[in-house]
Amino acid sequence: MPDWKPRNTRRARGLRNAATPAERSLWERLSRSQLGVKFSRQMPVGPWFADFLCREHRLVIELDGFSHDVQSGRDEARDRWMNEHGYRVLRFANRDVMENVEGVVLMIAEAIEELRH
């Protein structure tokens, strides 16, 4: 019988409730399978929480604000772990989402198309 590991849903719920304006803006375009795939917010992936996760294609979307500017080494370790475990990570700055959300959504849609084939 496989080991079952409970997810830290309390932490995930807290992260969802404290979403940045950029996260909320992007979620409006990723929710309800608007890109033809299902995304979830603040999902545990190994020891990390992905801002947005498409399980079907193992696609992680990360939004980077000020806190990421001072912890780039941690982001690199996170990306390396995710890549080693079969996830593709796309990173966008909060500012990119706030100034050009349609461009960000287009890049995500293009990545989904690549992963489908």
PDB file of N, CA and C in Angstrom:
ATOM      1  N   MET A   1       0.850  -1.177   0.000  1.00  0.00           N
ATOM      2  CA  MET A   1       0.000   0.000   0.000  1.00  0.00           C
ATOM      3  C   MET A   1       0.898   1.244   0.000  1.00  0.00           C
ATOM      4  N   PRO A   2       0.649   2.196  -0.910  1.00  0.00           N
ATOM      5  CA  PRO A   2       1.489   3.391  -0.955  1.00  0.00           C
ATOM      6  C   PRO A   2       1.299   4.270   0.273  1.00  0.00           C
ATOM      7  N   ASP A   3       2.385   4.962   0.618  1.00  0.00           N
ATOM      8  CA  ASP A   3       2.296   5.906   1.740  1.00  0.00           C
ATOM      9  C   ASP A   3       1.463   7.090   1.321  1.00  0.00           C
ATOM     10  N   TRP A   4       0.579   7.516   2.213  1.00  0.00           N
ATOM     11  CA  TRP A   4      -0.242   8.700   1.968  1.00  0.00           C
ATOM     12  C   TRP A   4       0.316   9.829   2.796  1.00  0.00           C
ATOM     13  N   LYS A   5       0.581  10.947   2.141  1.00  0.00           N
ATOM     14  CA  LYS A   5       1.111  12.105   2.836  1.00  0.00           C
ATOM     15  C   LYS A   5       0.072  13.218   2.773  1.00  0.00           C
ATOM     16  N   PRO A   6      -0.394  13.672   3.908  1.00  0.00           N
ATOM     17  CA  PRO A   6      -1.396  14.741   3.897  1.00  0.00           C
ATOM     18  C   PRO A   6      -0.796  16.032   3.349  1.00  0.00           C
ATOM     19  N   ARG A   7      -1.624  16.793   2.634  1.00  0.00           N
ATOM     20  CA  ARG A   7      -1.182  18.085   2.111  1.00  0.00           C
ATOM     21  C   ARG A   7      -1.422  19.154   3.167  1.00  0.00           C
ATOM     22  N   ASN A   8      -0.599  20.161   3.115  1.00  0.00           N
ATOM     23  CA  ASN A   8      -0.731  21.269   4.062  1.00  0.00           C
ATOM     24  C   ASN A   8      -1.798  22.226   3.529  1.00  0.00           C
ATOM     25  N   THR A   9      -3.048  21.813   3.650  1.00  0.00           N
ATOM     26  CA  THR A   9      -4.139  22.615   3.085  1.00  0.00           C
ATOM     27  C   THR A   9      -4.349  23.912   3.851  1.00  0.00           C
ATOM     28  N   ARG A  10      -4.041  23.931   5.122  1.00  0.00           N
ATOM     29  CA  ARG A  10      -4.185  25.176   5.895  1.00  0.00           C
ATOM     30  C   ARG A  10      -3.238  26.238   5.340  1.00  0.00           C
ATOM     31  N   ARG A  11      -2.006  25.874   5.091  1.00  0.00           N
ATOM     32  CA  ARG A  11      -1.029  26.820   4.513  1.00  0.00           C
ATOM     33  C   ARG A  11      -1.475  27.253   3.122  1.00  0.00           C
ATOM     34  N   ALA A  12      -1.923  26.318   2.296  1.00  0.00           N
ATOM     35  CA  ALA A  12      -2.379  26.648   0.943  1.00  0.00           C
ATOM     36  C   ALA A  12      -3.552  27.618   0.992  1.00  0.00           C
ATOM     37  N   ARG A  13      -4.489  27.373   1.885  1.00  0.00           N
ATOM     38  CA  ARG A  13      -5.652  28.262   2.017  1.00  0.00           C
ATOM     39  C   ARG A  13      -5.195  29.665   2.437  1.00  0.00           C
ATOM     40  N   GLY A  14      -4.251  29.729   3.356  1.00  0.00           N
ATOM     41  CA  GLY A  14      -3.727  31.025   3.785  1.00  0.00           C
ATOM     42  C   GLY A  14      -3.052  31.768   2.651  1.00  0.00           C
ATOM     43  N   LEU A  15      -2.294  31.054   1.832  1.00  0.00           N
ATOM     44  CA  LEU A  15      -1.646  31.683   0.679  1.00  0.00           C
ATOM     45  C   LEU A  15      -2.673  32.173  -0.336  1.00  0.00           C
ATOM     46  N   ARG A  16      -3.715  31.392  -0.565  1.00  0.00           N
ATOM     47  CA  ARG A  16      -4.764  31.823  -1.505  1.00  0.00           C
ATOM     48  C   ARG A  16      -5.468  33.076  -1.000  1.00  0.00           C
ATOM     49  N   ASN A  17      -5.745  33.110   0.302  1.00  0.00           N
ATOM     50  CA  ASN A  17      -6.434  34.270   0.880  1.00  0.00           C
ATOM     51  C   ASN A  17      -5.565  35.523   0.882  1.00  0.00           C
ATOM     52  N   ALA A  18      -4.250  35.346   0.858  1.00  0.00           N
ATOM     53  CA  ALA A  18      -3.334  36.484   0.882  1.00  0.00           C
ATOM     54  C   ALA A  18      -2.758  36.764  -0.510  1.00  0.00           C
ATOM     55  N   ALA A  19      -3.463  36.362  -1.547  1.00  0.00           N
ATOM     56  CA  ALA A  19      -2.967  36.521  -2.920  1.00  0.00           C
ATOM     57  C   ALA A  19      -2.687  37.987  -3.242  1.00  0.00           C
ATOM     58  N   THR A  20      -1.638  38.194  -4.015  1.00  0.00           N
ATOM     59  CA  THR A  20      -1.292  39.546  -4.453  1.00  0.00           C
ATOM     60  C   THR A  20      -2.263  39.979  -5.550  1.00  0.00           C
ATOM     61  N   PRO A  21      -2.322  41.276  -5.833  1.00  0.00           N
ATOM     62  CA  PRO A  21      -3.164  41.726  -6.949  1.00  0.00           C
ATOM     63  C   PRO A  21      -2.787  41.045  -8.273  1.00  0.00           C
ATOM     64  N   ALA A  22      -1.504  40.817  -8.490  1.00  0.00           N
ATOM     65  CA  ALA A  22      -1.082  40.140  -9.727  1.00  0.00           C
ATOM     66  C   ALA A  22      -1.607  38.708  -9.762  1.00  0.00           C
ATOM     67  N   GLU A  23      -1.521  38.001  -8.638  1.00  0.00           N
ATOM     68  CA  GLU A  23      -2.039  36.632  -8.587  1.00  0.00           C
ATOM     69  C   GLU A  23      -3.544  36.608  -8.838  1.00  0.00           C
ATOM     70  N   ARG A  24      -4.252  37.536  -8.257  1.00  0.00           N
ATOM     71  CA  ARG A  24      -5.709  37.592  -8.473  1.00  0.00           C
ATOM     72  C   ARG A  24      -6.042  37.889  -9.936  1.00  0.00           C
ATOM     73  N   SER A  25      -5.289  38.794 -10.529  1.00  0.00           N
ATOM     74  CA  SER A  25      -5.521  39.150 -11.930  1.00  0.00           C
ATOM     75  C   SER A  25      -5.272  37.955 -12.851  1.00  0.00           C
ATOM     76  N   LEU A  26      -4.171  37.249 -12.629  1.00  0.00           N
ATOM     77  CA  LEU A  26      -3.878  36.098 -13.478  1.00  0.00           C
ATOM     78  C   LEU A  26      -4.880  34.970 -13.224  1.00  0.00           C
ATOM     79  N   TRP A  27      -5.284  34.778 -11.980  1.00  0.00           N
ATOM     80  CA  TRP A  27      -6.249  33.724 -11.661  1.00  0.00           C
ATOM     81  C   TRP A  27      -7.570  33.934 -12.397  1.00  0.00           C
ATOM     82  N   GLU A  28      -7.969  35.188 -12.581  1.00  0.00           N
ATOM     83  CA  GLU A  28      -9.194  35.473 -13.322  1.00  0.00           C
ATOM     84  C   GLU A  28      -9.134  34.895 -14.735  1.00  0.00           C
ATOM     85  N   ARG A  29      -7.932  34.755 -15.281  1.00  0.00           N
ATOM     86  CA  ARG A  29      -7.770  34.259 -16.649  1.00  0.00           C
ATOM     87  C   ARG A  29      -7.420  32.776 -16.723  1.00  0.00           C
ATOM     88  N   LEU A  30      -6.955  32.209 -15.603  1.00  0.00           N
ATOM     89  CA  LEU A  30      -6.599  30.783 -15.588  1.00  0.00           C
ATOM     90  C   LEU A  30      -7.709  29.910 -15.017  1.00  0.00           C
ATOM     91  N   SER A  31      -8.572  30.497 -14.193  1.00  0.00           N
ATOM     92  CA  SER A  31      -9.615  29.699 -13.539  1.00  0.00           C
ATOM     93  C   SER A  31     -10.666  29.242 -14.545  1.00  0.00           C
ATOM     94  N   ARG A  32     -11.471  28.307 -14.105  1.00  0.00           N
ATOM     95  CA  ARG A  32     -12.587  27.777 -14.905  1.00  0.00           C
ATOM     96  C   ARG A  32     -12.124  27.221 -16.258  1.00  0.00           C
ATOM     97  N   SER A  33     -10.909  26.707 -16.309  1.00  0.00           N
ATOM     98  CA  SER A  33     -10.361  26.052 -17.515  1.00  0.00           C
ATOM     99  C   SER A  33     -10.464  26.921 -18.756  1.00  0.00           C
ATOM    100  N   GLN A  34     -10.280  28.218 -18.605  1.00  0.00           N
ATOM    101  CA  GLN A  34     -10.409  29.132 -19.735  1.00  0.00           C
ATOM    102  C   GLN A  34      -9.372  28.888 -20.830  1.00  0.00           C
ATOM    103  N   LEU A  35      -8.245  28.258 -20.470  1.00  0.00           N
ATOM    104  CA  LEU A  35      -7.220  27.942 -21.472  1.00  0.00           C
ATOM    105  C   LEU A  35      -7.314  26.493 -21.938  1.00  0.00           C
ATOM    106  N   GLY A  36      -8.400  25.837 -21.568  1.00  0.00           N
ATOM    107  CA  GLY A  36      -8.604  24.455 -21.995  1.00  0.00           C
ATOM    108  C   GLY A  36      -7.986  23.420 -21.072  1.00  0.00           C
ATOM    109  N   VAL A  37      -7.367  23.871 -19.988  1.00  0.00           N
ATOM    110  CA  VAL A  37      -6.806  22.968 -18.980  1.00  0.00           C
ATOM    111  C   VAL A  37      -7.149  23.519 -17.605  1.00  0.00           C
ATOM    112  N   LYS A  38      -7.099  22.646 -16.609  1.00  0.00           N
ATOM    113  CA  LYS A  38      -7.429  23.069 -15.249  1.00  0.00           C
ATOM    114  C   LYS A  38      -6.174  23.512 -14.514  1.00  0.00           C
ATOM    115  N   PHE A  39      -6.255  24.681 -13.911  1.00  0.00           N
ATOM    116  CA  PHE A  39      -5.204  25.170 -13.029  1.00  0.00           C
ATOM    117  C   PHE A  39      -5.746  25.215 -11.611  1.00  0.00           C
ATOM    118  N   SER A  40      -4.860  25.004 -10.649  1.00  0.00           N
ATOM    119  CA  SER A  40      -5.169  25.159  -9.231  1.00  0.00           C
ATOM    120  C   SER A  40      -4.204  26.189  -8.657  1.00  0.00           C
ATOM    121  N   ARG A  41      -4.652  26.862  -7.598  1.00  0.00           N
ATOM    122  CA  ARG A  41      -3.813  27.886  -6.966  1.00  0.00           C
ATOM    123  C   ARG A  41      -3.163  27.360  -5.696  1.00  0.00           C
ATOM    124  N   GLN A  42      -1.933  27.820  -5.457  1.00  0.00           N
ATOM    125  CA  GLN A  42      -1.190  27.522  -4.237  1.00  0.00           C
ATOM    126  C   GLN A  42      -1.242  26.042  -3.890  1.00  0.00           C
ATOM    127  N   MET A  43      -0.757  25.246  -4.820  1.00  0.00           N
ATOM    128  CA  MET A  43      -0.777  23.791  -4.647  1.00  0.00           C
ATOM    129  C   MET A  43       0.573  23.283  -4.169  1.00  0.00           C
ATOM    130  N   PRO A  44       0.552  22.388  -3.166  1.00  0.00           N
ATOM    131  CA  PRO A  44       1.813  21.786  -2.733  1.00  0.00           C
ATOM    132  C   PRO A  44       2.387  20.916  -3.850  1.00  0.00           C
ATOM    133  N   VAL A  45       3.660  21.137  -4.126  1.00  0.00           N
ATOM    134  CA  VAL A  45       4.402  20.319  -5.089  1.00  0.00           C
ATOM    135  C   VAL A  45       5.711  19.969  -4.391  1.00  0.00           C
ATOM    136  N   GLY A  46       5.810  18.740  -3.911  1.00  0.00           N
ATOM    137  CA  GLY A  46       6.978  18.368  -3.117  1.00  0.00           C
ATOM    138  C   GLY A  46       7.050  19.279  -1.897  1.00  0.00           C
ATOM    139  N   PRO A  47       8.232  19.826  -1.610  1.00  0.00           N
ATOM    140  CA  PRO A  47       8.375  20.691  -0.436  1.00  0.00           C
ATOM    141  C   PRO A  47       7.952  22.145  -0.682  1.00  0.00           C
ATOM    142  N   TRP A  48       7.422  22.431  -1.860  1.00  0.00           N
ATOM    143  CA  TRP A  48       7.114  23.804  -2.261  1.00  0.00           C
ATOM    144  C   TRP A  48       5.612  24.003  -2.461  1.00  0.00           C
ATOM    145  N   PHE A  49       5.213  25.245  -2.618  1.00  0.00           N
ATOM    146  CA  PHE A  49       3.859  25.596  -3.021  1.00  0.00           C
ATOM    147  C   PHE A  49       3.961  26.321  -4.350  1.00  0.00           C
ATOM    148  N   ALA A  50       3.269  25.805  -5.356  1.00  0.00           N
ATOM    149  CA  ALA A  50       3.245  26.451  -6.672  1.00  0.00           C
ATOM    150  C   ALA A  50       2.150  27.507  -6.673  1.00  0.00           C
ATOM    151  N   ASP A  51       2.464  28.693  -7.202  1.00  0.00           N
ATOM    152  CA  ASP A  51       1.430  29.726  -7.301  1.00  0.00           C
ATOM    153  C   ASP A  51       0.247  29.194  -8.099  1.00  0.00           C
ATOM    154  N   PHE A  52       0.536  28.599  -9.265  1.00  0.00           N
ATOM    155  CA  PHE A  52      -0.495  27.987 -10.109  1.00  0.00           C
ATOM    156  C   PHE A  52       0.066  26.680 -10.653  1.00  0.00           C
ATOM    157  N   LEU A  53      -0.770  25.652 -10.696  1.00  0.00           N
ATOM    158  CA  LEU A  53      -0.331  24.342 -11.160  1.00  0.00           C
ATOM    159  C   LEU A  53      -1.364  23.740 -12.096  1.00  0.00           C
ATOM    160  N   CYS A  54      -0.905  23.308 -13.262  1.00  0.00           N
ATOM    161  CA  CYS A  54      -1.708  22.480 -14.158  1.00  0.00           C
ATOM    162  C   CYS A  54      -1.161  21.062 -14.008  1.00  0.00           C
ATOM    163  N   ARG A  55      -1.887  20.225 -13.282  1.00  0.00           N
ATOM    164  CA  ARG A  55      -1.416  18.859 -13.021  1.00  0.00           C
ATOM    165  C   ARG A  55      -1.304  18.049 -14.312  1.00  0.00           C
ATOM    166  N   GLU A  56      -2.281  18.238 -15.194  1.00  0.00           N
ATOM    167  CA  GLU A  56      -2.332  17.454 -16.430  1.00  0.00           C
ATOM    168  C   GLU A  56      -1.030  17.554 -17.222  1.00  0.00           C
ATOM    169  N   HIS A  57      -0.465  18.735 -17.290  1.00  0.00           N
ATOM    170  CA  HIS A  57       0.759  18.944 -18.080  1.00  0.00           C
ATOM    171  C   HIS A  57       1.981  19.226 -17.221  1.00  0.00           C
ATOM    172  N   ARG A  58       1.817  19.103 -15.903  1.00  0.00           N
ATOM    173  CA  ARG A  58       2.931  19.335 -14.975  1.00  0.00           C
ATOM    174  C   ARG A  58       3.575  20.700 -15.235  1.00  0.00           C
ATOM    175  N   LEU A  59       2.705  21.700 -15.353  1.00  0.00           N
ATOM    176  CA  LEU A  59       3.135  23.067 -15.638  1.00  0.00           C
ATOM    177  C   LEU A  59       2.910  23.929 -14.398  1.00  0.00           C
ATOM    178  N   VAL A  60       3.979  24.571 -13.947  1.00  0.00           N
ATOM    179  CA  VAL A  60       3.934  25.443 -12.774  1.00  0.00           C
ATOM    180  C   VAL A  60       4.131  26.878 -13.243  1.00  0.00           C
ATOM    181  N   ILE A  61       3.264  27.765 -12.772  1.00  0.00           N
ATOM    182  CA  ILE A  61       3.384  29.188 -13.062  1.00  0.00           C
ATOM    183  C   ILE A  61       3.736  29.876 -11.751  1.00  0.00           C
ATOM    184  N   GLU A  62       4.833  30.619 -11.745  1.00  0.00           N
ATOM    185  CA  GLU A  62       5.270  31.357 -10.567  1.00  0.00           C
ATOM    186  C   GLU A  62       5.267  32.841 -10.865  1.00  0.00           C
ATOM    187  N   LEU A  63       4.734  33.616  -9.939  1.00  0.00           N
ATOM    188  CA  LEU A  63       4.769  35.071 -10.044  1.00  0.00           C
ATOM    189  C   LEU A  63       5.759  35.592  -9.011  1.00  0.00           C
ATOM    190  N   ASP A  64       6.636  36.468  -9.458  1.00  0.00           N
ATOM    191  CA  ASP A  64       7.695  36.979  -8.603  1.00  0.00           C
ATOM    192  C   ASP A  64       7.494  38.444  -8.294  1.00  0.00           C
ATOM    193  N   GLY A  65       7.421  38.744  -7.021  1.00  0.00           N
ATOM    194  CA  GLY A  65       7.350  40.126  -6.560  1.00  0.00           C
ATOM    195  C   GLY A  65       8.631  40.493  -5.861  1.00  0.00           C
ATOM    196  N   PHE A  66       8.566  41.479  -5.005  1.00  0.00           N
ATOM    197  CA  PHE A  66       9.747  41.983  -4.312  1.00  0.00           C
ATOM    198  C   PHE A  66      10.467  40.896  -3.523  1.00  0.00           C
ATOM    199  N   SER A  67       9.738  40.043  -2.832  1.00  0.00           N
ATOM    200  CA  SER A  67      10.381  39.031  -1.982  1.00  0.00           C
ATOM    201  C   SER A  67      11.267  38.094  -2.797  1.00  0.00           C
ATOM    202  N   HIS A  68      10.950  37.896  -4.053  1.00  0.00           N
ATOM    203  CA  HIS A  68      11.760  37.016  -4.899  1.00  0.00           C
ATOM    204  C   HIS A  68      13.064  37.674  -5.308  1.00  0.00           C
ATOM    205  N   ASP A  69      13.105  38.999  -5.301  1.00  0.00           N
ATOM    206  CA  ASP A  69      14.341  39.712  -5.635  1.00  0.00           C
ATOM    207  C   ASP A  69      15.434  39.421  -4.616  1.00  0.00           C
ATOM    208  N   VAL A  70      15.058  39.182  -3.386  1.00  0.00           N
ATOM    209  CA  VAL A  70      16.044  38.956  -2.334  1.00  0.00           C
ATOM    210  C   VAL A  70      16.255  37.472  -2.031  1.00  0.00           C
ATOM    211  N   GLN A  71      15.556  36.591  -2.733  1.00  0.00           N
ATOM    212  CA  GLN A  71      15.724  35.154  -2.484  1.00  0.00           C
ATOM    213  C   GLN A  71      15.896  34.379  -3.783  1.00  0.00           C
ATOM    214  N   SER A  72      16.658  34.933  -4.716  1.00  0.00           N
ATOM    215  CA  SER A  72      16.802  34.282  -6.019  1.00  0.00           C
ATOM    216  C   SER A  72      17.421  32.896  -5.902  1.00  0.00           C
ATOM    217  N   GLY A  73      18.305  32.673  -4.933  1.00  0.00           N
ATOM    218  CA  GLY A  73      18.893  31.345  -4.752  1.00  0.00           C
ATOM    219  C   GLY A  73      17.850  30.310  -4.401  1.00  0.00           C
ATOM    220  N   ARG A  74      16.893  30.705  -3.596  1.00  0.00           N
ATOM    221  CA  ARG A  74      15.810  29.786  -3.230  1.00  0.00           C
ATOM    222  C   ARG A  74      14.942  29.470  -4.446  1.00  0.00           C
ATOM    223  N   ASP A  75      14.673  30.487  -5.267  1.00  0.00           N
ATOM    224  CA  ASP A  75      13.892  30.267  -6.493  1.00  0.00           C
ATOM    225  C   ASP A  75      14.622  29.324  -7.441  1.00  0.00           C
ATOM    226  N   GLU A  76      15.935  29.471  -7.546  1.00  0.00           N
ATOM    227  CA  GLU A  76      16.721  28.580  -8.410  1.00  0.00           C
ATOM    228  C   GLU A  76      16.654  27.147  -7.908  1.00  0.00           C
ATOM    229  N   ALA A  77      16.767  26.949  -6.600  1.00  0.00           N
ATOM    230  CA  ALA A  77      16.680  25.604  -6.020  1.00  0.00           C
ATOM    231  C   ALA A  77      15.304  25.001  -6.259  1.00  0.00           C
ATOM    232  N   ARG A  78      14.274  25.817  -6.103  1.00  0.00           N
ATOM    233  CA  ARG A  78      12.904  25.368  -6.331  1.00  0.00           C
ATOM    234  C   ARG A  78      12.704  24.949  -7.779  1.00  0.00           C
ATOM    235  N   ASP A  79      13.168  25.789  -8.731  1.00  0.00           N
ATOM    236  CA  ASP A  79      13.038  25.468 -10.153  1.00  0.00           C
ATOM    237  C   ASP A  79      13.805  24.199 -10.495  1.00  0.00           C
ATOM    238  N   ARG A  80      15.002  24.064  -9.944  1.00  0.00           N
ATOM    239  CA  ARG A  80      15.808  22.869 -10.211  1.00  0.00           C
ATOM    240  C   ARG A  80      15.082  21.621  -9.717  1.00  0.00           C
ATOM    241  N   TRP A  81      14.533  21.677  -8.488  1.00  0.00           N
ATOM    242  CA  TRP A  81      13.808  20.536  -7.937  1.00  0.00           C
ATOM    243  C   TRP A  81      12.623  20.196  -8.826  1.00  0.00           C
ATOM    244  N   MET A  82      11.858  21.209  -9.213  1.00  0.00           N
ATOM    245  CA  MET A  82      10.669  20.968 -10.038  1.00  0.00           C
ATOM    246  C   MET A  82      11.055  20.368 -11.391  1.00  0.00           C
ATOM    247  N   ASN A  83      12.095  20.895 -12.020  1.00  0.00           N
ATOM    248  CA  ASN A  83      12.545  20.352 -13.305  1.00  0.00           C
ATOM    249  C   ASN A  83      12.998  18.902 -13.163  1.00  0.00           C
ATOM    250  N   GLU A  84      13.729  18.609 -12.098  1.00  0.00           N
ATOM    251  CA  GLU A  84      14.203  17.239 -11.864  1.00  0.00           C
ATOM    252  C   GLU A  84      13.048  16.271 -11.632  1.00  0.00           C
ATOM    253  N   HIS A  85      11.906  16.781 -11.200  1.00  0.00           N
ATOM    254  CA  HIS A  85      10.739  15.937 -10.950  1.00  0.00           C
ATOM    255  C   HIS A  85       9.682  16.040 -12.046  1.00  0.00           C
ATOM    256  N   GLY A  86      10.097  16.544 -13.210  1.00  0.00           N
ATOM    257  CA  GLY A  86       9.231  16.514 -14.380  1.00  0.00           C
ATOM    258  C   GLY A  86       8.283  17.680 -14.553  1.00  0.00           C
ATOM    259  N   TYR A  87       8.486  18.755 -13.822  1.00  0.00           N
ATOM    260  CA  TYR A  87       7.629  19.931 -13.962  1.00  0.00           C
ATOM    261  C   TYR A  87       8.325  20.982 -14.821  1.00  0.00           C
ATOM    262  N   ARG A  88       7.542  21.689 -15.596  1.00  0.00           N
ATOM    263  CA  ARG A  88       8.047  22.843 -16.328  1.00  0.00           C
ATOM    264  C   ARG A  88       7.598  24.081 -15.554  1.00  0.00           C
ATOM    265  N   VAL A  89       8.518  25.009 -15.342  1.00  0.00           N
ATOM    266  CA  VAL A  89       8.228  26.211 -14.560  1.00  0.00           C
ATOM    267  C   VAL A  89       8.314  27.432 -15.460  1.00  0.00           C
ATOM    268  N   LEU A  90       7.265  28.230 -15.437  1.00  0.00           N
ATOM    269  CA  LEU A  90       7.273  29.533 -16.103  1.00  0.00           C
ATOM    270  C   LEU A  90       7.209  30.591 -15.011  1.00  0.00           C
ATOM    271  N   ARG A  91       8.113  31.566 -15.085  1.00  0.00           N
ATOM    272  CA  ARG A  91       8.149  32.648 -14.095  1.00  0.00           C
ATOM    273  C   ARG A  91       7.833  33.970 -14.762  1.00  0.00           C
ATOM    274  N   PHE A  92       7.011  34.764 -14.079  1.00  0.00           N
ATOM    275  CA  PHE A  92       6.667  36.096 -14.551  1.00  0.00           C
ATOM    276  C   PHE A  92       6.764  37.054 -13.370  1.00  0.00           C
ATOM    277  N   ALA A  93       7.180  38.266 -13.645  1.00  0.00           N
ATOM    278  CA  ALA A  93       7.200  39.299 -12.613  1.00  0.00           C
ATOM    279  C   ALA A  93       5.775  39.796 -12.392  1.00  0.00           C
ATOM    280  N   ASN A  94       5.466  40.146 -11.159  1.00  0.00           N
ATOM    281  CA  ASN A  94       4.151  40.720 -10.862  1.00  0.00           C
ATOM    282  C   ASN A  94       3.874  41.902 -11.782  1.00  0.00           C
ATOM    283  N   ARG A  95       4.885  42.714 -12.013  1.00  0.00           N
ATOM    284  CA  ARG A  95       4.718  43.898 -12.857  1.00  0.00           C
ATOM    285  C   ARG A  95       4.287  43.510 -14.271  1.00  0.00           C
ATOM    286  N   ASP A  96       4.859  42.405 -14.818  1.00  0.00           N
ATOM    287  CA  ASP A  96       4.461  41.949 -16.160  1.00  0.00           C
ATOM    288  C   ASP A  96       2.979  41.610 -16.196  1.00  0.00           C
ATOM    289  N   VAL A  97       2.501  40.948 -15.148  1.00  0.00           N
ATOM    290  CA  VAL A  97       1.087  40.577 -15.095  1.00  0.00           C
ATOM    291  C   VAL A  97       0.221  41.833 -15.016  1.00  0.00           C
ATOM    292  N   MET A  98       0.617  42.772 -14.178  1.00  0.00           N
ATOM    293  CA  MET A  98      -0.199  43.973 -13.981  1.00  0.00           C
ATOM    294  C   MET A  98      -0.198  44.877 -15.217  1.00  0.00           C
ATOM    295  N   GLU A  99       0.901  44.887 -15.965  1.00  0.00           N
ATOM    296  CA  GLU A  99       0.999  45.774 -17.124  1.00  0.00           C
ATOM    297  C   GLU A  99       0.614  45.104 -18.438  1.00  0.00           C
ATOM    298  N   ASN A 100       0.696  43.760 -18.487  1.00  0.00           N
ATOM    299  CA  ASN A 100       0.446  43.067 -19.749  1.00  0.00           C
ATOM    300  C   ASN A 100      -0.067  41.650 -19.483  1.00  0.00           C
ATOM    301  N   VAL A 101      -1.183  41.536 -18.797  1.00  0.00           N
ATOM    302  CA  VAL A 101      -1.697  40.215 -18.442  1.00  0.00           C
ATOM    303  C   VAL A 101      -2.031  39.394 -19.685  1.00  0.00           C
ATOM    304  N   GLU A 102      -2.498  40.033 -20.740  1.00  0.00           N
ATOM    305  CA  GLU A 102      -2.836  39.273 -21.956  1.00  0.00           C
ATOM    306  C   GLU A 102      -1.586  38.652 -22.584  1.00  0.00           C
ATOM    307  N   GLY A 103      -0.464  39.367 -22.537  1.00  0.00           N
ATOM    308  CA  GLY A 103       0.793  38.814 -23.037  1.00  0.00           C
ATOM    309  C   GLY A 103       1.255  37.627 -22.217  1.00  0.00           C
ATOM    310  N   VAL A 104       1.100  37.716 -20.892  1.00  0.00           N
ATOM    311  CA  VAL A 104       1.463  36.612 -20.009  1.00  0.00           C
ATOM    312  C   VAL A 104       0.575  35.402 -20.301  1.00  0.00           C
ATOM    313  N   VAL A 105      -0.719  35.626 -20.448  1.00  0.00           N
ATOM    314  CA  VAL A 105      -1.651  34.529 -20.734  1.00  0.00           C
ATOM    315  C   VAL A 105      -1.306  33.886 -22.077  1.00  0.00           C
ATOM    316  N   LEU A 106      -0.937  34.682 -23.057  1.00  0.00           N
ATOM    317  CA  LEU A 106      -0.539  34.146 -24.361  1.00  0.00           C
ATOM    318  C   LEU A 106       0.682  33.242 -24.229  1.00  0.00           C
ATOM    319  N   MET A 107       1.672  33.651 -23.436  1.00  0.00           N
ATOM    320  CA  MET A 107       2.865  32.814 -23.236  1.00  0.00           C
ATOM    321  C   MET A 107       2.507  31.504 -22.537  1.00  0.00           C
ATOM    322  N   ILE A 108       1.589  31.556 -21.586  1.00  0.00           N
ATOM    323  CA  ILE A 108       1.147  30.339 -20.900  1.00  0.00           C
ATOM    324  C   ILE A 108       0.408  29.429 -21.879  1.00  0.00           C
ATOM    325  N   ALA A 109      -0.459  30.005 -22.711  1.00  0.00           N
ATOM    326  CA  ALA A 109      -1.196  29.212 -23.708  1.00  0.00           C
ATOM    327  C   ALA A 109      -0.222  28.538 -24.678  1.00  0.00           C
ATOM    328  N   GLU A 110       0.822  29.250 -25.078  1.00  0.00           N
ATOM    329  CA  GLU A 110       1.814  28.681 -25.986  1.00  0.00           C
ATOM    330  C   GLU A 110       2.548  27.508 -25.315  1.00  0.00           C
ATOM    331  N   ALA A 111       2.876  27.646 -24.035  1.00  0.00           N
ATOM    332  CA  ALA A 111       3.527  26.555 -23.311  1.00  0.00           C
ATOM    333  C   ALA A 111       2.611  25.339 -23.219  1.00  0.00           C
ATOM    334  N   ILE A 112       1.330  25.567 -22.997  1.00  0.00           N
ATOM    335  CA  ILE A 112       0.368  24.458 -22.930  1.00  0.00           C
ATOM    336  C   ILE A 112       0.322  23.738 -24.274  1.00  0.00           C
ATOM    337  N   GLU A 113       0.295  24.483 -25.353  1.00  0.00           N
ATOM    338  CA  GLU A 113       0.289  23.865 -26.689  1.00  0.00           C
ATOM    339  C   GLU A 113       1.536  23.018 -26.899  1.00  0.00           C
ATOM    340  N   GLU A 114       2.690  23.523 -26.504  1.00  0.00           N
ATOM    341  CA  GLU A 114       3.932  22.754 -26.635  1.00  0.00           C
ATOM    342  C   GLU A 114       3.858  21.462 -25.824  1.00  0.00           C
ATOM    343  N   LEU A 115       3.325  21.544 -24.620  1.00  0.00           N
ATOM    344  CA  LEU A 115       3.245  20.372 -23.763  1.00  0.00           C
ATOM    345  C   LEU A 115       2.217  19.360 -24.253  1.00  0.00           C
ATOM    346  N   ARG A 116       1.219  19.801 -24.964  1.00  0.00           N
ATOM    347  CA  ARG A 116       0.227  18.877 -25.536  1.00  0.00           C
ATOM    348  C   ARG A 116       0.835  18.010 -26.625  1.00  0.00           C
ATOM    349  N   HIS A 117       1.847  18.531 -27.279  1.00  0.00           N
ATOM    350  CA  HIS A 117       2.472  17.802 -28.399  1.00  0.00           C
ATOM    351  C   HIS A 117       3.809  17.343 -27.955  1.00  0.00           C
TER     352      HIS A 117
END
